Structure formats: C-alpha cells, structure tokens
C-alpha cells in the first residue's frame, strides 16, 4: 500500500492518492490534516485518486465511517478517480455519508478531475 496526501489552494483542496488497500494508518494521517483545513475554511474539497485499489481493511473502514459521520456537511466536493469497476460501488458507499457534490472520473481523466475539483 502506498499513500500520498497533498494540500492545494491553502488546504481548501486535499488530494489523496492511494495504491492497494486503505489502512487505519492512512486515516491517522488524513484526519488531522483534513480537520485543520475544515477549521480554516469551513468546507473542503477532496480529490481521491485510486490506483490498483483493493478497498479498506476493517480498521480503515471504521475510521472512514467515523470521519464521514462527523464531517457529513464539511465536504463541499468529492472527486473520485479510479478504475471503472469502483465507480458504482464508491458512489453507493459514499452517498449516505456526505452532502458533497460527488463526481467519478476514470484514470485517464485525472486532468478533468483536477479542473472540476478546483472550479
């Protein structure tokens, strides 16, 4: 598993790139950065880029659900970039946990995802 987190537009946009399976350790890095950005801006946008993604382990799934419930209305836009096999599942999984406007992009459309998340 590899993971990178990048803040853009002074933390208004948080880009997360993950390969493999999400773990609880990823959330231990993601949550404080995101909560600090929410404190500064009120709402943030998240660009989640998946490559060779294999889902969540149980610890990560629990952390994700806690984060989503706590920050239900703090995510303004959520762009998900990945392989088409994840599109329907991610949209179905994420929808109950956020009021964010969500959009899914194929890997080849990463530039379009950047344009949309920054618009």
N, C-alpha and C. Protein backbone atom coordinates (compact mmCIF):
# COMPACT_ATOMS: atom_id res chain seq x y z
N UNK A 1 0.85 -1.17 0.00
CA UNK A 1 0.00 0.00 0.00
C UNK A 1 0.89 1.23 0.00
N UNK A 2 0.57 2.17 -0.85
CA UNK A 2 1.24 3.46 -0.80
C UNK A 2 0.18 4.55 -0.72
N UNK A 3 0.59 5.69 -0.15
CA UNK A 3 -0.37 6.74 0.14
C UNK A 3 0.35 8.08 0.11
N UNK A 4 -0.25 9.07 -0.56
CA UNK A 4 0.26 10.44 -0.50
C UNK A 4 -0.91 11.37 -0.25
N UNK A 5 -0.63 12.44 0.46
CA UNK A 5 -1.64 13.44 0.78
C UNK A 5 -1.03 14.80 0.46
N UNK A 6 -1.73 15.59 -0.36
CA UNK A 6 -1.25 16.89 -0.78
C UNK A 6 -2.34 17.92 -0.56
N UNK A 7 -2.00 19.03 0.08
CA UNK A 7 -2.94 20.14 0.25
C UNK A 7 -2.70 21.15 -0.87
N UNK A 8 -3.79 21.62 -1.46
CA UNK A 8 -3.71 22.64 -2.51
C UNK A 8 -4.66 23.77 -2.18
N UNK A 9 -4.45 24.93 -2.77
CA UNK A 9 -5.27 26.12 -2.52
C UNK A 9 -5.36 26.39 -1.02
N UNK A 10 -4.21 26.39 -0.34
CA UNK A 10 -4.13 26.65 1.09
C UNK A 10 -4.98 25.67 1.90
N UNK A 11 -5.05 24.43 1.45
CA UNK A 11 -5.78 23.40 2.17
C UNK A 11 -7.25 23.31 1.82
N UNK A 12 -7.72 24.15 0.93
CA UNK A 12 -9.13 24.09 0.51
C UNK A 12 -9.40 22.80 -0.28
N UNK A 13 -8.36 22.32 -0.99
CA UNK A 13 -8.45 21.07 -1.73
C UNK A 13 -7.42 20.11 -1.14
N UNK A 14 -7.88 18.91 -0.82
CA UNK A 14 -6.99 17.88 -0.29
C UNK A 14 -7.00 16.73 -1.28
N UNK A 15 -5.81 16.43 -1.79
CA UNK A 15 -5.67 15.34 -2.76
C UNK A 15 -5.05 14.14 -2.07
N UNK A 16 -5.75 13.02 -2.17
CA UNK A 16 -5.29 11.77 -1.57
C UNK A 16 -5.09 10.78 -2.70
N UNK A 17 -3.90 10.21 -2.78
CA UNK A 17 -3.62 9.17 -3.78
C UNK A 17 -3.28 7.89 -3.04
N UNK A 18 -3.94 6.82 -3.40
CA UNK A 18 -3.72 5.55 -2.70
C UNK A 18 -3.61 4.41 -3.70
N UNK A 19 -2.68 3.52 -3.40
CA UNK A 19 -2.50 2.29 -4.16
C UNK A 19 -2.61 1.14 -3.17
N UNK A 20 -3.35 0.11 -3.55
CA UNK A 20 -3.50 -1.04 -2.66
C UNK A 20 -4.72 -0.89 -1.77
N UNK A 21 -4.60 -1.33 -0.52
CA UNK A 21 -5.71 -1.34 0.43
C UNK A 21 -5.52 -0.24 1.46
N UNK A 22 -6.59 0.55 1.71
CA UNK A 22 -6.54 1.58 2.74
C UNK A 22 -6.46 0.94 4.13
N UNK A 23 -5.62 1.54 4.97
CA UNK A 23 -5.45 1.04 6.33
C UNK A 23 -5.79 2.14 7.33
N UNK A 24 -5.92 1.76 8.57
CA UNK A 24 -6.20 2.71 9.65
C UNK A 24 -5.11 3.78 9.72
N UNK A 25 -3.87 3.41 9.42
CA UNK A 25 -2.74 4.34 9.46
C UNK A 25 -2.92 5.49 8.47
N UNK A 26 -3.53 5.22 7.34
CA UNK A 26 -3.81 6.28 6.37
C UNK A 26 -4.72 7.33 7.01
N UNK A 27 -5.75 6.89 7.71
CA UNK A 27 -6.67 7.81 8.36
C UNK A 27 -6.01 8.58 9.49
N UNK A 28 -5.03 7.97 10.13
CA UNK A 28 -4.31 8.67 11.20
C UNK A 28 -3.53 9.86 10.65
N UNK A 29 -3.20 9.84 9.36
CA UNK A 29 -2.54 10.98 8.71
C UNK A 29 -3.57 11.91 8.07
N UNK A 30 -4.58 11.34 7.43
CA UNK A 30 -5.57 12.09 6.68
C UNK A 30 -6.46 12.96 7.57
N UNK A 31 -6.95 12.39 8.66
CA UNK A 31 -7.94 13.08 9.50
C UNK A 31 -7.41 14.39 10.09
N UNK A 32 -6.24 14.43 10.73
CA UNK A 32 -5.79 15.71 11.29
C UNK A 32 -5.58 16.80 10.24
N UNK A 33 -5.04 16.44 9.09
CA UNK A 33 -4.83 17.42 8.02
C UNK A 33 -6.17 17.96 7.54
N UNK A 34 -7.12 17.06 7.33
CA UNK A 34 -8.43 17.46 6.83
C UNK A 34 -9.19 18.29 7.86
N UNK A 35 -9.13 17.89 9.12
CA UNK A 35 -9.83 18.64 10.16
C UNK A 35 -9.24 20.04 10.33
N UNK A 36 -7.93 20.18 10.19
CA UNK A 36 -7.30 21.51 10.25
C UNK A 36 -7.78 22.37 9.09
N UNK A 37 -7.89 21.77 7.90
CA UNK A 37 -8.37 22.51 6.73
C UNK A 37 -9.83 22.92 6.91
N UNK A 38 -10.63 22.04 7.48
CA UNK A 38 -12.04 22.37 7.74
C UNK A 38 -12.13 23.52 8.73
N UNK A 39 -11.28 23.51 9.73
CA UNK A 39 -11.27 24.58 10.73
C UNK A 39 -10.94 25.93 10.07
N UNK A 40 -10.00 25.92 9.10
CA UNK A 40 -9.61 27.15 8.40
C UNK A 40 -10.67 27.63 7.41
N UNK A 41 -11.29 26.69 6.68
CA UNK A 41 -12.14 27.05 5.55
C UNK A 41 -13.63 26.80 5.75
N UNK A 42 -13.99 26.01 6.74
CA UNK A 42 -15.40 25.65 6.92
C UNK A 42 -15.79 24.43 6.11
N UNK A 43 -15.45 24.46 4.82
CA UNK A 43 -15.70 23.32 3.93
C UNK A 43 -14.45 23.08 3.09
N UNK A 44 -14.23 21.83 2.73
CA UNK A 44 -13.09 21.47 1.89
C UNK A 44 -13.57 20.63 0.71
N UNK A 45 -12.68 20.45 -0.23
CA UNK A 45 -12.91 19.58 -1.38
C UNK A 45 -11.86 18.49 -1.35
N UNK A 46 -12.26 17.27 -1.69
CA UNK A 46 -11.34 16.14 -1.65
C UNK A 46 -11.27 15.49 -3.02
N UNK A 47 -10.06 15.28 -3.48
CA UNK A 47 -9.79 14.54 -4.71
C UNK A 47 -9.14 13.23 -4.28
N UNK A 48 -9.85 12.13 -4.48
CA UNK A 48 -9.40 10.81 -4.04
C UNK A 48 -9.00 10.01 -5.27
N UNK A 49 -7.71 9.76 -5.44
CA UNK A 49 -7.19 9.08 -6.62
C UNK A 49 -6.78 7.66 -6.24
N UNK A 50 -7.43 6.69 -6.87
CA UNK A 50 -7.17 5.28 -6.59
C UNK A 50 -6.43 4.66 -7.77
N UNK A 51 -5.37 3.94 -7.46
CA UNK A 51 -4.66 3.18 -8.49
C UNK A 51 -4.44 1.77 -7.93
N UNK A 52 -4.87 0.78 -8.68
CA UNK A 52 -4.76 -0.61 -8.22
C UNK A 52 -5.32 -0.73 -6.80
N UNK A 53 -6.51 -0.16 -6.61
CA UNK A 53 -7.14 -0.05 -5.30
C UNK A 53 -7.80 -1.37 -4.91
N UNK A 54 -7.64 -1.75 -3.64
CA UNK A 54 -8.19 -3.01 -3.15
C UNK A 54 -9.12 -2.82 -1.95
N UNK A 55 -9.68 -1.62 -1.79
CA UNK A 55 -10.65 -1.40 -0.73
C UNK A 55 -10.03 -1.02 0.60
N UNK A 56 -10.78 -1.26 1.68
CA UNK A 56 -10.39 -0.87 3.03
C UNK A 56 -10.19 -2.11 3.88
N UNK A 57 -9.24 -2.04 4.84
CA UNK A 57 -9.25 -3.07 5.86
C UNK A 57 -10.27 -2.64 6.92
N UNK A 58 -10.59 -3.49 7.87
CA UNK A 58 -11.67 -3.19 8.83
C UNK A 58 -11.37 -1.94 9.67
N UNK A 59 -10.12 -1.76 10.08
CA UNK A 59 -9.75 -0.58 10.86
C UNK A 59 -9.98 0.69 10.06
N UNK A 60 -9.61 0.67 8.78
CA UNK A 60 -9.79 1.84 7.93
C UNK A 60 -11.28 2.10 7.67
N UNK A 61 -12.04 1.05 7.48
CA UNK A 61 -13.47 1.20 7.24
C UNK A 61 -14.14 1.88 8.44
N UNK A 62 -13.77 1.48 9.65
CA UNK A 62 -14.32 2.08 10.86
C UNK A 62 -13.93 3.56 10.95
N UNK A 63 -12.65 3.87 10.71
CA UNK A 63 -12.19 5.25 10.75
C UNK A 63 -12.90 6.10 9.70
N UNK A 64 -13.12 5.53 8.52
CA UNK A 64 -13.81 6.24 7.44
C UNK A 64 -15.24 6.57 7.85
N UNK A 65 -15.93 5.62 8.43
CA UNK A 65 -17.31 5.86 8.84
C UNK A 65 -17.39 6.92 9.93
N UNK A 66 -16.48 6.89 10.90
CA UNK A 66 -16.47 7.91 11.96
C UNK A 66 -16.21 9.29 11.36
N UNK A 67 -15.24 9.38 10.45
CA UNK A 67 -14.92 10.66 9.81
C UNK A 67 -16.13 11.18 9.03
N UNK A 68 -16.75 10.29 8.24
CA UNK A 68 -17.88 10.70 7.40
C UNK A 68 -19.05 11.21 8.23
N UNK A 69 -19.34 10.56 9.34
CA UNK A 69 -20.44 11.00 10.19
C UNK A 69 -20.13 12.35 10.82
N UNK A 70 -18.91 12.51 11.31
CA UNK A 70 -18.51 13.76 11.97
C UNK A 70 -18.50 14.94 10.99
N UNK A 71 -18.08 14.67 9.76
CA UNK A 71 -17.90 15.75 8.78
C UNK A 71 -18.88 15.66 7.61
N UNK A 72 -20.07 15.18 7.91
CA UNK A 72 -21.13 14.98 6.92
C UNK A 72 -21.31 16.19 6.01
N UNK A 73 -21.29 17.39 6.57
CA UNK A 73 -21.57 18.59 5.76
C UNK A 73 -20.34 19.46 5.52
N UNK A 74 -19.16 18.98 5.87
CA UNK A 74 -17.94 19.78 5.70
C UNK A 74 -17.21 19.52 4.37
N UNK A 75 -17.66 18.52 3.64
CA UNK A 75 -17.04 18.22 2.35
C UNK A 75 -17.92 18.83 1.27
N UNK A 76 -17.37 19.80 0.54
CA UNK A 76 -18.13 20.51 -0.48
C UNK A 76 -18.20 19.74 -1.79
N UNK A 77 -17.06 19.23 -2.22
CA UNK A 77 -16.98 18.42 -3.44
C UNK A 77 -16.08 17.22 -3.18
N UNK A 78 -16.44 16.10 -3.80
CA UNK A 78 -15.64 14.89 -3.70
C UNK A 78 -15.47 14.33 -5.10
N UNK A 79 -14.23 14.36 -5.59
CA UNK A 79 -13.92 13.77 -6.89
C UNK A 79 -13.21 12.45 -6.63
N UNK A 80 -13.69 11.40 -7.26
CA UNK A 80 -13.09 10.09 -7.12
C UNK A 80 -12.53 9.69 -8.49
N UNK A 81 -11.25 9.37 -8.51
CA UNK A 81 -10.60 8.98 -9.76
C UNK A 81 -10.12 7.54 -9.59
N UNK A 82 -10.51 6.68 -10.52
CA UNK A 82 -10.09 5.29 -10.39
C UNK A 82 -10.48 4.45 -11.57
N UNK A 83 -10.45 3.16 -11.33
CA UNK A 83 -10.81 2.19 -12.35
C UNK A 83 -12.33 2.07 -12.38
N UNK A 84 -12.89 1.87 -13.54
CA UNK A 84 -14.34 1.89 -13.70
C UNK A 84 -15.04 0.86 -12.81
N UNK A 85 -14.37 -0.23 -12.43
CA UNK A 85 -15.03 -1.25 -11.60
C UNK A 85 -15.42 -0.70 -10.23
N UNK A 86 -14.80 0.41 -9.79
CA UNK A 86 -15.11 1.00 -8.48
C UNK A 86 -16.19 2.06 -8.56
N UNK A 87 -16.54 2.52 -9.75
CA UNK A 87 -17.42 3.69 -9.88
C UNK A 87 -18.74 3.52 -9.14
N UNK A 88 -19.49 2.50 -9.46
CA UNK A 88 -20.81 2.33 -8.85
C UNK A 88 -20.69 2.08 -7.35
N UNK A 89 -19.74 1.25 -6.94
CA UNK A 89 -19.58 0.92 -5.54
C UNK A 89 -19.22 2.12 -4.70
N UNK A 90 -18.32 2.96 -5.19
CA UNK A 90 -17.91 4.14 -4.43
C UNK A 90 -19.06 5.13 -4.31
N UNK A 91 -19.78 5.33 -5.38
CA UNK A 91 -20.92 6.26 -5.34
C UNK A 91 -21.98 5.77 -4.35
N UNK A 92 -22.25 4.49 -4.37
CA UNK A 92 -23.25 3.91 -3.47
C UNK A 92 -22.76 3.98 -2.03
N UNK A 93 -21.49 3.67 -1.80
CA UNK A 93 -20.93 3.65 -0.45
C UNK A 93 -20.85 5.05 0.14
N UNK A 94 -20.41 6.01 -0.63
CA UNK A 94 -20.16 7.37 -0.12
C UNK A 94 -21.43 8.19 0.07
N UNK A 95 -22.42 8.02 -0.77
CA UNK A 95 -23.59 8.89 -0.79
C UNK A 95 -24.27 9.08 0.56
N UNK A 96 -24.50 8.04 1.36
CA UNK A 96 -25.21 8.27 2.62
C UNK A 96 -24.41 9.06 3.65
N UNK A 97 -23.11 9.23 3.44
CA UNK A 97 -22.24 9.81 4.46
C UNK A 97 -21.85 11.25 4.19
N UNK A 98 -22.35 11.85 3.12
CA UNK A 98 -21.92 13.21 2.82
C UNK A 98 -22.98 13.96 2.03
N UNK A 99 -22.97 15.27 2.18
CA UNK A 99 -23.82 16.13 1.35
C UNK A 99 -23.03 16.67 0.16
N UNK A 100 -21.78 16.24 0.03
CA UNK A 100 -20.90 16.73 -1.03
C UNK A 100 -21.45 16.41 -2.41
N UNK A 101 -21.15 17.30 -3.34
CA UNK A 101 -21.37 17.01 -4.75
C UNK A 101 -20.26 16.04 -5.15
N UNK A 102 -20.66 14.87 -5.65
CA UNK A 102 -19.67 13.84 -6.00
C UNK A 102 -19.62 13.63 -7.50
N UNK A 103 -18.42 13.33 -7.98
CA UNK A 103 -18.27 13.02 -9.39
C UNK A 103 -17.15 11.99 -9.52
N UNK A 104 -17.36 11.00 -10.38
CA UNK A 104 -16.39 9.94 -10.61
C UNK A 104 -15.69 10.17 -11.94
N UNK A 105 -14.37 9.97 -11.95
CA UNK A 105 -13.57 10.13 -13.17
C UNK A 105 -12.74 8.88 -13.38
N UNK A 106 -12.59 8.48 -14.62
CA UNK A 106 -11.70 7.38 -14.96
C UNK A 106 -10.25 7.86 -14.85
N UNK A 107 -9.32 6.94 -14.65
CA UNK A 107 -7.90 7.28 -14.51
C UNK A 107 -7.41 8.21 -15.62
N UNK A 108 -7.85 7.95 -16.84
CA UNK A 108 -7.38 8.76 -17.98
C UNK A 108 -7.88 10.20 -17.92
N UNK A 109 -8.86 10.48 -17.06
CA UNK A 109 -9.44 11.81 -16.96
C UNK A 109 -9.00 12.57 -15.70
N UNK A 110 -7.81 12.27 -15.21
CA UNK A 110 -7.30 12.91 -13.99
C UNK A 110 -7.25 14.44 -14.15
N UNK A 111 -6.86 14.93 -15.34
CA UNK A 111 -6.82 16.38 -15.57
C UNK A 111 -8.22 16.99 -15.42
N UNK A 112 -9.24 16.30 -15.94
CA UNK A 112 -10.62 16.79 -15.81
C UNK A 112 -11.05 16.81 -14.35
N UNK A 113 -10.62 15.82 -13.58
CA UNK A 113 -10.95 15.77 -12.15
C UNK A 113 -10.33 16.96 -11.43
N UNK A 114 -9.08 17.29 -11.77
CA UNK A 114 -8.43 18.47 -11.17
C UNK A 114 -9.19 19.76 -11.52
N UNK A 115 -9.60 19.88 -12.78
CA UNK A 115 -10.35 21.06 -13.21
C UNK A 115 -11.66 21.17 -12.42
N UNK A 116 -12.37 20.06 -12.29
CA UNK A 116 -13.67 20.07 -11.63
C UNK A 116 -13.54 20.38 -10.13
N UNK A 117 -12.57 19.78 -9.47
CA UNK A 117 -12.43 19.97 -8.02
C UNK A 117 -12.00 21.40 -7.71
N UNK A 118 -11.29 22.04 -8.62
CA UNK A 118 -10.81 23.41 -8.41
C UNK A 118 -11.77 24.48 -8.91
N UNK A 119 -12.83 24.08 -9.63
CA UNK A 119 -13.75 25.06 -10.24
C UNK A 119 -14.54 25.81 -9.18
